[in-house]
Amino acid sequence: MWIKVIIVLVFVGIIASLGSGLYYLVNDKGDSRRTLRALTLRIGLSIGLFAFLMILIGLGVIEPHGLYPERPAETAPRN
């Protein structure tokens, strides 16, 4: 359960950083480096979340699944 909370919080942080980057881009008009810092934070959070998920998959804490969680039944035998 705590893993889901961490993932959701990081997603919220990514969206908030993206929104603040847009706000600073529109309002500062290139006068400050706040846009760069906000977008750098977003990239760092995204890379961190990706690494966290890969570590959890590697440790077996979470299991990824594709479009079909269960393997579809074979319809014709293979020779």
PDB file of N, CA and C in Angstrom:
ATOM      1  N   MET A   1       0.819  -1.203   0.000  1.00  0.00           N
ATOM      2  CA  MET A   1       0.000   0.000   0.000  1.00  0.00           C
ATOM      3  C   MET A   1       0.856   1.258   0.000  1.00  0.00           C
ATOM      4  N   TRP A   2       1.941   1.258   0.771  1.00  0.00           N
ATOM      5  CA  TRP A   2       2.786   2.451   0.853  1.00  0.00           C
ATOM      6  C   TRP A   2       3.469   2.731  -0.468  1.00  0.00           C
ATOM      7  N   ILE A   3       3.682   1.694  -1.289  1.00  0.00           N
ATOM      8  CA  ILE A   3       4.318   1.892  -2.592  1.00  0.00           C
ATOM      9  C   ILE A   3       3.391   2.697  -3.505  1.00  0.00           C
ATOM     10  N   LYS A   4       2.105   2.380  -3.472  1.00  0.00           N
ATOM     11  CA  LYS A   4       1.137   3.124  -4.292  1.00  0.00           C
ATOM     12  C   LYS A   4       1.077   4.587  -3.879  1.00  0.00           C
ATOM     13  N   VAL A   5       1.145   4.829  -2.578  1.00  0.00           N
ATOM     14  CA  VAL A   5       1.114   6.205  -2.079  1.00  0.00           C
ATOM     15  C   VAL A   5       2.344   6.976  -2.573  1.00  0.00           C
ATOM     16  N   ILE A   6       3.503   6.353  -2.520  1.00  0.00           N
ATOM     17  CA  ILE A   6       4.732   6.999  -2.990  1.00  0.00           C
ATOM     18  C   ILE A   6       4.633   7.311  -4.478  1.00  0.00           C
ATOM     19  N   ILE A   7       4.155   6.348  -5.260  1.00  0.00           N
ATOM     20  CA  ILE A   7       4.040   6.547  -6.706  1.00  0.00           C
ATOM     21  C   ILE A   7       3.074   7.690  -7.021  1.00  0.00           C
ATOM     22  N   VAL A   8       1.931   7.724  -6.353  1.00  0.00           N
ATOM     23  CA  VAL A   8       0.949   8.793  -6.595  1.00  0.00           C
ATOM     24  C   VAL A   8       1.521  10.150  -6.189  1.00  0.00           C
ATOM     25  N   LEU A   9       2.221  10.209  -5.053  1.00  0.00           N
ATOM     26  CA  LEU A   9       2.818  11.472  -4.613  1.00  0.00           C
ATOM     27  C   LEU A   9       3.867  11.973  -5.604  1.00  0.00           C
ATOM     28  N   VAL A  10       4.666  11.062  -6.143  1.00  0.00           N
ATOM     29  CA  VAL A  10       5.673  11.473  -7.128  1.00  0.00           C
ATOM     30  C   VAL A  10       4.990  11.957  -8.404  1.00  0.00           C
ATOM     31  N   PHE A  11       3.915  11.272  -8.836  1.00  0.00           N
ATOM     32  CA  PHE A  11       3.167  11.744  -9.999  1.00  0.00           C
ATOM     33  C   PHE A  11       2.601  13.137  -9.768  1.00  0.00           C
ATOM     34  N   VAL A  12       2.055  13.380  -8.598  1.00  0.00           N
ATOM     35  CA  VAL A  12       1.529  14.709  -8.273  1.00  0.00           C
ATOM     36  C   VAL A  12       2.659  15.732  -8.299  1.00  0.00           C
ATOM     37  N   GLY A  13       3.827  15.365  -7.791  1.00  0.00           N
ATOM     38  CA  GLY A  13       4.983  16.260  -7.831  1.00  0.00           C
ATOM     39  C   GLY A  13       5.418  16.565  -9.253  1.00  0.00           C
ATOM     40  N   ILE A  14       5.385  15.554 -10.114  1.00  0.00           N
ATOM     41  CA  ILE A  14       5.746  15.762 -11.523  1.00  0.00           C
ATOM     42  C   ILE A  14       4.778  16.731 -12.186  1.00  0.00           C
ATOM     43  N   ILE A  15       3.483  16.536 -11.967  1.00  0.00           N
ATOM     44  CA  ILE A  15       2.476  17.419 -12.573  1.00  0.00           C
ATOM     45  C   ILE A  15       2.591  18.835 -12.006  1.00  0.00           C
ATOM     46  N   ALA A  16       2.825  18.945 -10.690  1.00  0.00           N
ATOM     47  CA  ALA A  16       2.971  20.275 -10.081  1.00  0.00           C
ATOM     48  C   ALA A  16       4.206  20.992 -10.625  1.00  0.00           C
ATOM     49  N   SER A  17       5.289  20.274 -10.797  1.00  0.00           N
ATOM     50  CA  SER A  17       6.503  20.875 -11.338  1.00  0.00           C
ATOM     51  C   SER A  17       6.305  21.304 -12.789  1.00  0.00           C
ATOM     52  N   LEU A  18       5.588  20.498 -13.538  1.00  0.00           N
ATOM     53  CA  LEU A  18       5.298  20.865 -14.918  1.00  0.00           C
ATOM     54  C   LEU A  18       4.423  22.110 -14.980  1.00  0.00           C
ATOM     55  N   GLY A  19       3.428  22.181 -14.107  1.00  0.00           N
ATOM     56  CA  GLY A  19       2.564  23.362 -14.061  1.00  0.00           C
ATOM     57  C   GLY A  19       3.309  24.607 -13.621  1.00  0.00           C
ATOM     58  N   SER A  20       4.178  24.471 -12.627  1.00  0.00           N
ATOM     59  CA  SER A  20       4.939  25.646 -12.191  1.00  0.00           C
ATOM     60  C   SER A  20       5.927  26.086 -13.268  1.00  0.00           C
ATOM     61  N   GLY A  21       6.480  25.134 -14.004  1.00  0.00           N
ATOM     62  CA  GLY A  21       7.359  25.500 -15.121  1.00  0.00           C
ATOM     63  C   GLY A  21       6.618  26.291 -16.182  1.00  0.00           C
ATOM     64  N   LEU A  22       5.390  25.873 -16.479  1.00  0.00           N
ATOM     65  CA  LEU A  22       4.576  26.609 -17.449  1.00  0.00           C
ATOM     66  C   LEU A  22       4.237  27.996 -16.924  1.00  0.00           C
ATOM     67  N   TYR A  23       3.880  28.074 -15.655  1.00  0.00           N
ATOM     68  CA  TYR A  23       3.548  29.376 -15.054  1.00  0.00           C
ATOM     69  C   TYR A  23       4.746  30.327 -15.135  1.00  0.00           C
ATOM     70  N   TYR A  24       5.936  29.854 -14.749  1.00  0.00           N
ATOM     71  CA  TYR A  24       7.124  30.708 -14.783  1.00  0.00           C
ATOM     72  C   TYR A  24       7.511  31.067 -16.217  1.00  0.00           C
ATOM     73  N   LEU A  25       7.290  30.147 -17.142  1.00  0.00           N
ATOM     74  CA  LEU A  25       7.603  30.427 -18.539  1.00  0.00           C
ATOM     75  C   LEU A  25       6.737  31.562 -19.076  1.00  0.00           C
ATOM     76  N   VAL A  26       5.465  31.542 -18.728  1.00  0.00           N
ATOM     77  CA  VAL A  26       4.540  32.559 -19.231  1.00  0.00           C
ATOM     78  C   VAL A  26       4.741  33.894 -18.517  1.00  0.00           C
ATOM     79  N   ASN A  27       4.925  33.878 -17.199  1.00  0.00           N
ATOM     80  CA  ASN A  27       4.954  35.126 -16.434  1.00  0.00           C
ATOM     81  C   ASN A  27       6.326  35.783 -16.343  1.00  0.00           C
ATOM     82  N   ASP A  28       7.407  35.024 -16.312  1.00  0.00           N
ATOM     83  CA  ASP A  28       8.734  35.625 -16.172  1.00  0.00           C
ATOM     84  C   ASP A  28       9.291  36.156 -17.492  1.00  0.00           C
ATOM     85  N   LYS A  29       8.844  35.594 -18.588  1.00  0.00           N
ATOM     86  CA  LYS A  29       9.289  36.013 -19.918  1.00  0.00           C
ATOM     87  C   LYS A  29      10.814  36.008 -20.057  1.00  0.00           C
ATOM     88  N   GLY A  30      11.453  34.976 -19.508  1.00  0.00           N
ATOM     89  CA  GLY A  30      12.893  34.804 -19.666  1.00  0.00           C
ATOM     90  C   GLY A  30      13.741  35.608 -18.717  1.00  0.00           C
ATOM     91  N   ASP A  31      13.159  36.215 -17.689  1.00  0.00           N
ATOM     92  CA  ASP A  31      13.932  37.044 -16.777  1.00  0.00           C
ATOM     93  C   ASP A  31      14.564  36.260 -15.624  1.00  0.00           C
ATOM     94  N   SER A  32      14.133  35.031 -15.401  1.00  0.00           N
ATOM     95  CA  SER A  32      14.703  34.272 -14.289  1.00  0.00           C
ATOM     96  C   SER A  32      14.956  32.829 -14.702  1.00  0.00           C
ATOM     97  N   ARG A  33      15.586  32.081 -13.802  1.00  0.00           N
ATOM     98  CA  ARG A  33      15.908  30.690 -14.074  1.00  0.00           C
ATOM     99  C   ARG A  33      14.916  29.746 -13.384  1.00  0.00           C
ATOM    100  N   ARG A  34      13.792  30.268 -12.941  1.00  0.00           N
ATOM    101  CA  ARG A  34      12.824  29.427 -12.232  1.00  0.00           C
ATOM    102  C   ARG A  34      12.215  28.371 -13.151  1.00  0.00           C
ATOM    103  N   THR A  35      12.026  28.691 -14.417  1.00  0.00           N
ATOM    104  CA  THR A  35      11.494  27.704 -15.363  1.00  0.00           C
ATOM    105  C   THR A  35      12.454  26.538 -15.497  1.00  0.00           C
ATOM    106  N   LEU A  36      13.735  26.834 -15.628  1.00  0.00           N
ATOM    107  CA  LEU A  36      14.752  25.794 -15.751  1.00  0.00           C
ATOM    108  C   LEU A  36      14.774  24.913 -14.507  1.00  0.00           C
ATOM    109  N   ARG A  37      14.708  25.514 -13.329  1.00  0.00           N
ATOM    110  CA  ARG A  37      14.717  24.725 -12.091  1.00  0.00           C
ATOM    111  C   ARG A  37      13.482  23.845 -11.973  1.00  0.00           C
ATOM    112  N   ALA A  38      12.322  24.359 -12.347  1.00  0.00           N
ATOM    113  CA  ALA A  38      11.082  23.590 -12.256  1.00  0.00           C
ATOM    114  C   ALA A  38      11.107  22.400 -13.210  1.00  0.00           C
ATOM    115  N   LEU A  39      11.563  22.614 -14.422  1.00  0.00           N
ATOM    116  CA  LEU A  39      11.601  21.522 -15.391  1.00  0.00           C
ATOM    117  C   LEU A  39      12.716  20.528 -15.078  1.00  0.00           C
ATOM    118  N   THR A  40      13.824  20.999 -14.499  1.00  0.00           N
ATOM    119  CA  THR A  40      14.872  20.086 -14.059  1.00  0.00           C
ATOM    120  C   THR A  40      14.372  19.196 -12.924  1.00  0.00           C
ATOM    121  N   LEU A  41      13.601  19.755 -12.027  1.00  0.00           N
ATOM    122  CA  LEU A  41      12.999  18.975 -10.956  1.00  0.00           C
ATOM    123  C   LEU A  41      12.053  17.926 -11.529  1.00  0.00           C
ATOM    124  N   ARG A  42      11.285  18.297 -12.529  1.00  0.00           N
ATOM    125  CA  ARG A  42      10.363  17.349 -13.162  1.00  0.00           C
ATOM    126  C   ARG A  42      11.110  16.188 -13.783  1.00  0.00           C
ATOM    127  N   ILE A  43      12.194  16.477 -14.474  1.00  0.00           N
ATOM    128  CA  ILE A  43      12.991  15.415 -15.092  1.00  0.00           C
ATOM    129  C   ILE A  43      13.597  14.523 -14.024  1.00  0.00           C
ATOM    130  N   GLY A  44      14.093  15.117 -12.947  1.00  0.00           N
ATOM    131  CA  GLY A  44      14.661  14.328 -11.859  1.00  0.00           C
ATOM    132  C   GLY A  44      13.633  13.422 -11.203  1.00  0.00           C
ATOM    133  N   LEU A  45      12.434  13.946 -10.974  1.00  0.00           N
ATOM    134  CA  LEU A  45      11.366  13.123 -10.403  1.00  0.00           C
ATOM    135  C   LEU A  45      10.969  11.992 -11.345  1.00  0.00           C
ATOM    136  N   SER A  46      10.912  12.262 -12.633  1.00  0.00           N
ATOM    137  CA  SER A  46      10.546  11.232 -13.601  1.00  0.00           C
ATOM    138  C   SER A  46      11.584  10.124 -13.656  1.00  0.00           C
ATOM    139  N   ILE A  47      12.851  10.495 -13.689  1.00  0.00           N
ATOM    140  CA  ILE A  47      13.920   9.490 -13.713  1.00  0.00           C
ATOM    141  C   ILE A  47      13.934   8.713 -12.399  1.00  0.00           C
ATOM    142  N   GLY A  48      13.743   9.407 -11.296  1.00  0.00           N
ATOM    143  CA  GLY A  48      13.705   8.742  -9.996  1.00  0.00           C
ATOM    144  C   GLY A  48      12.555   7.747  -9.891  1.00  0.00           C
ATOM    145  N   LEU A  49      11.376   8.133 -10.395  1.00  0.00           N
ATOM    146  CA  LEU A  49      10.226   7.232 -10.372  1.00  0.00           C
ATOM    147  C   LEU A  49      10.482   6.009 -11.237  1.00  0.00           C
ATOM    148  N   PHE A  50      11.056   6.213 -12.411  1.00  0.00           N
ATOM    149  CA  PHE A  50      11.374   5.100 -13.298  1.00  0.00           C
ATOM    150  C   PHE A  50      12.358   4.146 -12.624  1.00  0.00           C
ATOM    151  N   ALA A  51      13.412   4.679 -12.016  1.00  0.00           N
ATOM    152  CA  ALA A  51      14.397   3.843 -11.329  1.00  0.00           C
ATOM    153  C   ALA A  51      13.762   3.107 -10.152  1.00  0.00           C
ATOM    154  N   PHE A  52      12.898   3.789  -9.394  1.00  0.00           N
ATOM    155  CA  PHE A  52      12.211   3.173  -8.262  1.00  0.00           C
ATOM    156  C   PHE A  52      11.355   2.000  -8.728  1.00  0.00           C
ATOM    157  N   LEU A  53      10.621   2.174  -9.823  1.00  0.00           N
ATOM    158  CA  LEU A  53       9.799   1.095 -10.351  1.00  0.00           C
ATOM    159  C   LEU A  53      10.648  -0.070 -10.849  1.00  0.00           C
ATOM    160  N   MET A  54      11.766   0.217 -11.495  1.00  0.00           N
ATOM    161  CA  MET A  54      12.635  -0.863 -11.980  1.00  0.00           C
ATOM    162  C   MET A  54      13.250  -1.642 -10.814  1.00  0.00           C
ATOM    163  N   ILE A  55      13.600  -0.948  -9.748  1.00  0.00           N
ATOM    164  CA  ILE A  55      14.137  -1.620  -8.559  1.00  0.00           C
ATOM    165  C   ILE A  55      13.069  -2.509  -7.931  1.00  0.00           C
ATOM    166  N   LEU A  56      11.850  -2.008  -7.827  1.00  0.00           N
ATOM    167  CA  LEU A  56      10.762  -2.803  -7.255  1.00  0.00           C
ATOM    168  C   LEU A  56      10.463  -4.034  -8.104  1.00  0.00           C
ATOM    169  N   ILE A  57      10.519  -3.896  -9.414  1.00  0.00           N
ATOM    170  CA  ILE A  57      10.323  -5.046 -10.297  1.00  0.00           C
ATOM    171  C   ILE A  57      11.464  -6.038 -10.128  1.00  0.00           C
ATOM    172  N   GLY A  58      12.692  -5.534 -10.056  1.00  0.00           N
ATOM    173  CA  GLY A  58      13.845  -6.404  -9.875  1.00  0.00           C
ATOM    174  C   GLY A  58      13.825  -7.165  -8.565  1.00  0.00           C
ATOM    175  N   LEU A  59      13.318  -6.546  -7.509  1.00  0.00           N
ATOM    176  CA  LEU A  59      13.230  -7.204  -6.213  1.00  0.00           C
ATOM    177  C   LEU A  59      12.003  -8.106  -6.099  1.00  0.00           C
ATOM    178  N   GLY A  60      11.109  -8.028  -7.064  1.00  0.00           N
ATOM    179  CA  GLY A  60       9.913  -8.859  -7.048  1.00  0.00           C
ATOM    180  C   GLY A  60       8.796  -8.313  -6.186  1.00  0.00           C
ATOM    181  N   VAL A  61       8.895  -7.059  -5.783  1.00  0.00           N
ATOM    182  CA  VAL A  61       7.846  -6.449  -4.957  1.00  0.00           C
ATOM    183  C   VAL A  61       6.586  -6.212  -5.791  1.00  0.00           C
ATOM    184  N   ILE A  62       6.770  -5.778  -7.023  1.00  0.00           N
ATOM    185  CA  ILE A  62       5.646  -5.611  -7.941  1.00  0.00           C
ATOM    186  C   ILE A  62       5.918  -6.459  -9.173  1.00  0.00           C
ATOM    187  N   GLU A  63       4.842  -6.864  -9.839  1.00  0.00           N
ATOM    188  CA  GLU A  63       4.968  -7.667 -11.050  1.00  0.00           C
ATOM    189  C   GLU A  63       4.307  -6.929 -12.204  1.00  0.00           C
ATOM    190  N   PRO A  64       5.059  -6.659 -13.255  1.00  0.00           N
ATOM    191  CA  PRO A  64       4.462  -5.993 -14.410  1.00  0.00           C
ATOM    192  C   PRO A  64       3.606  -6.979 -15.201  1.00  0.00           C
ATOM    193  N   HIS A  65       2.635  -6.472 -15.881  1.00  0.00           N
ATOM    194  CA  HIS A  65       1.830  -7.294 -16.772  1.00  0.00           C
ATOM    195  C   HIS A  65       1.547  -6.497 -18.026  1.00  0.00           C
ATOM    196  N   GLY A  66       1.325  -7.216 -19.086  1.00  0.00           N
ATOM    197  CA  GLY A  66       1.073  -6.565 -20.356  1.00  0.00           C
ATOM    198  C   GLY A  66      -0.390  -6.338 -20.585  1.00  0.00           C
ATOM    199  N   LEU A  67      -0.761  -6.282 -21.828  1.00  0.00           N
ATOM    200  CA  LEU A  67      -2.150  -6.072 -22.192  1.00  0.00           C
ATOM    201  C   LEU A  67      -3.002  -7.259 -21.770  1.00  0.00           C
ATOM    202  N   TYR A  68      -2.426  -8.464 -21.890  1.00  0.00           N
ATOM    203  CA  TYR A  68      -3.106  -9.687 -21.482  1.00  0.00           C
ATOM    204  C   TYR A  68      -2.398 -10.239 -20.248  1.00  0.00           C
ATOM    205  N   PRO A  69      -2.931 -10.020 -19.045  1.00  0.00           N
ATOM    206  CA  PRO A  69      -2.277 -10.522 -17.840  1.00  0.00           C
ATOM    207  C   PRO A  69      -2.109 -12.036 -17.837  1.00  0.00           C
ATOM    208  N   GLU A  70      -3.061 -12.753 -18.430  1.00  0.00           N
ATOM    209  CA  GLU A  70      -2.944 -14.199 -18.553  1.00  0.00           C
ATOM    210  C   GLU A  70      -2.667 -14.536 -20.001  1.00  0.00           C
ATOM    211  N   ARG A  71      -1.886 -15.585 -20.200  1.00  0.00           N
ATOM    212  CA  ARG A  71      -1.538 -15.981 -21.552  1.00  0.00           C
ATOM    213  C   ARG A  71      -2.786 -16.494 -22.268  1.00  0.00           C
ATOM    214  N   PRO A  72      -3.039 -16.018 -23.495  1.00  0.00           N
ATOM    215  CA  PRO A  72      -4.229 -16.502 -24.217  1.00  0.00           C
ATOM    216  C   PRO A  72      -4.080 -17.974 -24.581  1.00  0.00           C
ATOM    217  N   ALA A  73      -5.179 -18.667 -24.651  1.00  0.00           N
ATOM    218  CA  ALA A  73      -5.172 -20.098 -24.988  1.00  0.00           C
ATOM    219  C   ALA A  73      -4.735 -20.286 -26.433  1.00  0.00           C
ATOM    220  N   GLU A  74      -3.988 -21.350 -26.658  1.00  0.00           N
ATOM    221  CA  GLU A  74      -3.568 -21.697 -28.010  1.00  0.00           C
ATOM    222  C   GLU A  74      -4.756 -22.255 -28.778  1.00  0.00           C
ATOM    223  N   THR A  75      -4.952 -21.799 -29.995  1.00  0.00           N
ATOM    224  CA  THR A  75      -6.080 -22.282 -30.783  1.00  0.00           C
ATOM    225  C   THR A  75      -5.680 -23.393 -31.728  1.00  0.00           C
ATOM    226  N   ALA A  76      -4.469 -23.345 -32.246  1.00  0.00           N
ATOM    227  CA  ALA A  76      -4.014 -24.373 -33.186  1.00  0.00           C
ATOM    228  C   ALA A  76      -2.676 -24.921 -32.693  1.00  0.00           C
ATOM    229  N   PRO A  77      -2.489 -26.223 -32.761  1.00  0.00           N
ATOM    230  CA  PRO A  77      -1.202 -26.795 -32.326  1.00  0.00           C
ATOM    231  C   PRO A  77      -0.081 -26.423 -33.288  1.00  0.00           C
ATOM    232  N   ARG A  78       1.086 -26.236 -32.737  1.00  0.00           N
ATOM    233  CA  ARG A  78       2.261 -25.896 -33.556  1.00  0.00           C
ATOM    234  C   ARG A  78       3.050 -27.162 -33.853  1.00  0.00           C
ATOM    235  N   ASN A  79       3.557 -27.254 -35.052  1.00  0.00           N
ATOM    236  CA  ASN A  79       4.368 -28.415 -35.441  1.00  0.00           C
ATOM    237  C   ASN A  79       5.814 -28.064 -35.523  1.00  0.00           C
TER     238      ASN A  79
END
